[in-house]
Amino acid sequence: MDLLISGITIFVLAIFVGFEIITKIPPTLHTPLMSGSNAISGITLVGAILSAGSQQVLVTTILGFLAVVFATVNVVGGFLVTNRMLVMFKRKS
């Protein structure tokens, strides 16, 4: 029970810290941060594929598959947003 409470406490604190950090970032840094976020999501995608492919228990396979789907959506969406932002900064010819 103590492990569950400490895990929930860390999760809630991480939410607050993440929100504070993201709201304080100037708009000029959003594109580099989006690229870094895509790299992290790529690592998550690899872990999700490993989890889904291990087929140890049905629950891990289902959760791994859902993680693959959500991480893929996150990576693709992040690259689309990054590309759109970079196009906005290109010089008009």
C-alpha atoms as a PDB file:
ATOM      1  CA  MET A   1       0.000   0.000   0.000  1.00  0.00           C
ATOM      2  CA  ASP A   2       2.891   2.363   0.784  1.00  0.00           C
ATOM      3  CA  LEU A   3       4.344   1.722  -2.663  1.00  0.00           C
ATOM      4  CA  LEU A   4       1.029   2.639  -4.316  1.00  0.00           C
ATOM      5  CA  ILE A   5       0.706   5.869  -2.340  1.00  0.00           C
ATOM      6  CA  SER A   6       4.291   6.918  -3.100  1.00  0.00           C
ATOM      7  CA  GLY A   7       3.780   6.088  -6.790  1.00  0.00           C
ATOM      8  CA  ILE A   8       0.596   8.173  -6.959  1.00  0.00           C
ATOM      9  CA  THR A   9       2.332  11.034  -5.115  1.00  0.00           C
ATOM     10  CA  ILE A  10       5.219  11.037  -7.579  1.00  0.00           C
ATOM     11  CA  PHE A  11       2.782  10.914 -10.511  1.00  0.00           C
ATOM     12  CA  VAL A  12       0.774  13.903  -9.226  1.00  0.00           C
ATOM     13  CA  LEU A  13       3.935  15.905  -8.528  1.00  0.00           C
ATOM     14  CA  ALA A  14       5.214  15.112 -12.034  1.00  0.00           C
ATOM     15  CA  ILE A  15       1.945  16.433 -13.489  1.00  0.00           C
ATOM     16  CA  PHE A  16       2.308  19.728 -11.612  1.00  0.00           C
ATOM     17  CA  VAL A  17       5.995  20.140 -12.482  1.00  0.00           C
ATOM     18  CA  GLY A  18       5.370  19.289 -16.145  1.00  0.00           C
ATOM     19  CA  PHE A  19       2.521  21.783 -16.366  1.00  0.00           C
ATOM     20  CA  GLU A  20       4.608  24.539 -14.806  1.00  0.00           C
ATOM     21  CA  ILE A  21       7.554  23.855 -17.105  1.00  0.00           C
ATOM     22  CA  ILE A  22       5.466  23.757 -20.272  1.00  0.00           C
ATOM     23  CA  THR A  23       3.560  26.962 -19.493  1.00  0.00           C
ATOM     24  CA  LYS A  24       6.817  28.880 -18.905  1.00  0.00           C
ATOM     25  CA  ILE A  25       8.427  27.987 -22.260  1.00  0.00           C
ATOM     26  CA  PRO A  26       8.617  30.810 -24.824  1.00  0.00           C
ATOM     27  CA  PRO A  27       7.075  30.083 -28.257  1.00  0.00           C
ATOM     28  CA  THR A  28      10.473  30.153 -30.003  1.00  0.00           C
ATOM     29  CA  LEU A  29      11.510  26.990 -28.161  1.00  0.00           C
ATOM     30  CA  HIS A  30       8.442  24.934 -29.017  1.00  0.00           C
ATOM     31  CA  THR A  31       9.880  23.450 -32.232  1.00  0.00           C
ATOM     32  CA  PRO A  32      13.107  22.123 -30.650  1.00  0.00           C
ATOM     33  CA  LEU A  33      11.152  20.802 -27.696  1.00  0.00           C
ATOM     34  CA  MET A  34       8.684  19.089 -30.028  1.00  0.00           C
ATOM     35  CA  SER A  35      11.599  17.346 -31.722  1.00  0.00           C
ATOM     36  CA  GLY A  36      12.901  16.187 -28.360  1.00  0.00           C
ATOM     37  CA  SER A  37       9.437  15.015 -27.419  1.00  0.00           C
ATOM     38  CA  ASN A  38       9.274  13.013 -30.642  1.00  0.00           C
ATOM     39  CA  ALA A  39      12.543  11.312 -29.751  1.00  0.00           C
ATOM     40  CA  ILE A  40      11.161  10.353 -26.343  1.00  0.00           C
ATOM     41  CA  SER A  41       7.970   9.062 -27.962  1.00  0.00           C
ATOM     42  CA  GLY A  42      10.103   7.011 -30.339  1.00  0.00           C
ATOM     43  CA  ILE A  43      11.753   5.360 -27.354  1.00  0.00           C
ATOM     44  CA  THR A  44       8.304   4.754 -25.878  1.00  0.00           C
ATOM     45  CA  LEU A  45       7.259   3.181 -29.171  1.00  0.00           C
ATOM     46  CA  VAL A  46      10.183   0.749 -29.059  1.00  0.00           C
ATOM     47  CA  GLY A  47       9.305  -0.229 -25.485  1.00  0.00           C
ATOM     48  CA  ALA A  48       5.656  -0.680 -26.437  1.00  0.00           C
ATOM     49  CA  ILE A  49       6.585  -2.940 -29.347  1.00  0.00           C
ATOM     50  CA  LEU A  50       8.736  -5.033 -27.023  1.00  0.00           C
ATOM     51  CA  SER A  51       5.908  -5.231 -24.508  1.00  0.00           C
ATOM     52  CA  ALA A  52       3.309  -6.189 -27.098  1.00  0.00           C
ATOM     53  CA  GLY A  53       5.598  -8.742 -28.706  1.00  0.00           C
ATOM     54  CA  SER A  54       6.603 -10.529 -25.516  1.00  0.00           C
ATOM     55  CA  GLN A  55       3.205 -12.265 -25.295  1.00  0.00           C
ATOM     56  CA  GLN A  56       3.692 -13.320 -21.685  1.00  0.00           C
ATOM     57  CA  VAL A  57       0.192 -12.476 -20.507  1.00  0.00           C
ATOM     58  CA  LEU A  58      -2.826 -11.364 -22.547  1.00  0.00           C
ATOM     59  CA  VAL A  59      -3.072  -8.133 -20.547  1.00  0.00           C
ATOM     60  CA  THR A  60       0.520  -7.104 -21.396  1.00  0.00           C
ATOM     61  CA  THR A  61      -0.096  -7.838 -25.064  1.00  0.00           C
ATOM     62  CA  ILE A  62      -3.261  -5.711 -25.119  1.00  0.00           C
ATOM     63  CA  LEU A  63      -1.690  -2.848 -23.154  1.00  0.00           C
ATOM     64  CA  GLY A  64       1.435  -3.069 -25.311  1.00  0.00           C
ATOM     65  CA  PHE A  65      -0.679  -2.845 -28.463  1.00  0.00           C
ATOM     66  CA  LEU A  66      -2.539   0.192 -27.103  1.00  0.00           C
ATOM     67  CA  ALA A  67       0.786   1.776 -26.178  1.00  0.00           C
ATOM     68  CA  VAL A  68       2.040   1.171 -29.736  1.00  0.00           C
ATOM     69  CA  VAL A  69      -1.058   2.851 -31.169  1.00  0.00           C
ATOM     70  CA  PHE A  70      -0.897   5.877 -28.865  1.00  0.00           C
ATOM     71  CA  ALA A  71       2.880   6.329 -29.213  1.00  0.00           C
ATOM     72  CA  THR A  72       2.585   6.112 -33.010  1.00  0.00           C
ATOM     73  CA  VAL A  73      -0.141   8.766 -33.038  1.00  0.00           C
ATOM     74  CA  ASN A  74       2.039  10.941 -30.801  1.00  0.00           C
ATOM     75  CA  VAL A  75       5.138  10.569 -32.980  1.00  0.00           C
ATOM     76  CA  VAL A  76       3.312  11.183 -36.270  1.00  0.00           C
ATOM     77  CA  GLY A  77       1.353  14.128 -34.863  1.00  0.00           C
ATOM     78  CA  GLY A  78       4.509  15.619 -33.377  1.00  0.00           C
ATOM     79  CA  PHE A  79       6.359  15.405 -36.662  1.00  0.00           C
ATOM     80  CA  LEU A  80       3.414  16.987 -38.509  1.00  0.00           C
ATOM     81  CA  VAL A  81       3.276  19.872 -36.030  1.00  0.00           C
ATOM     82  CA  THR A  82       7.057  20.331 -36.160  1.00  0.00           C
ATOM     83  CA  ASN A  83       7.015  20.321 -39.957  1.00  0.00           C
ATOM     84  CA  ARG A  84       4.199  22.865 -40.057  1.00  0.00           C
ATOM     85  CA  MET A  85       6.035  25.149 -37.628  1.00  0.00           C
ATOM     86  CA  LEU A  86       9.262  24.898 -39.640  1.00  0.00           C
ATOM     87  CA  VAL A  87       7.371  25.772 -42.837  1.00  0.00           C
ATOM     88  CA  MET A  88       6.101  28.917 -41.106  1.00  0.00           C
ATOM     89  CA  PHE A  89       9.696  30.053 -40.520  1.00  0.00           C
ATOM     90  CA  LYS A  90      10.893  29.499 -44.106  1.00  0.00           C
ATOM     91  CA  ARG A  91      11.559  32.525 -46.236  1.00  0.00           C
ATOM     92  CA  LYS A  92       9.088  33.209 -48.993  1.00  0.00           C
ATOM     93  CA  SER A  93      10.682  32.947 -52.418  1.00  0.00           C
END
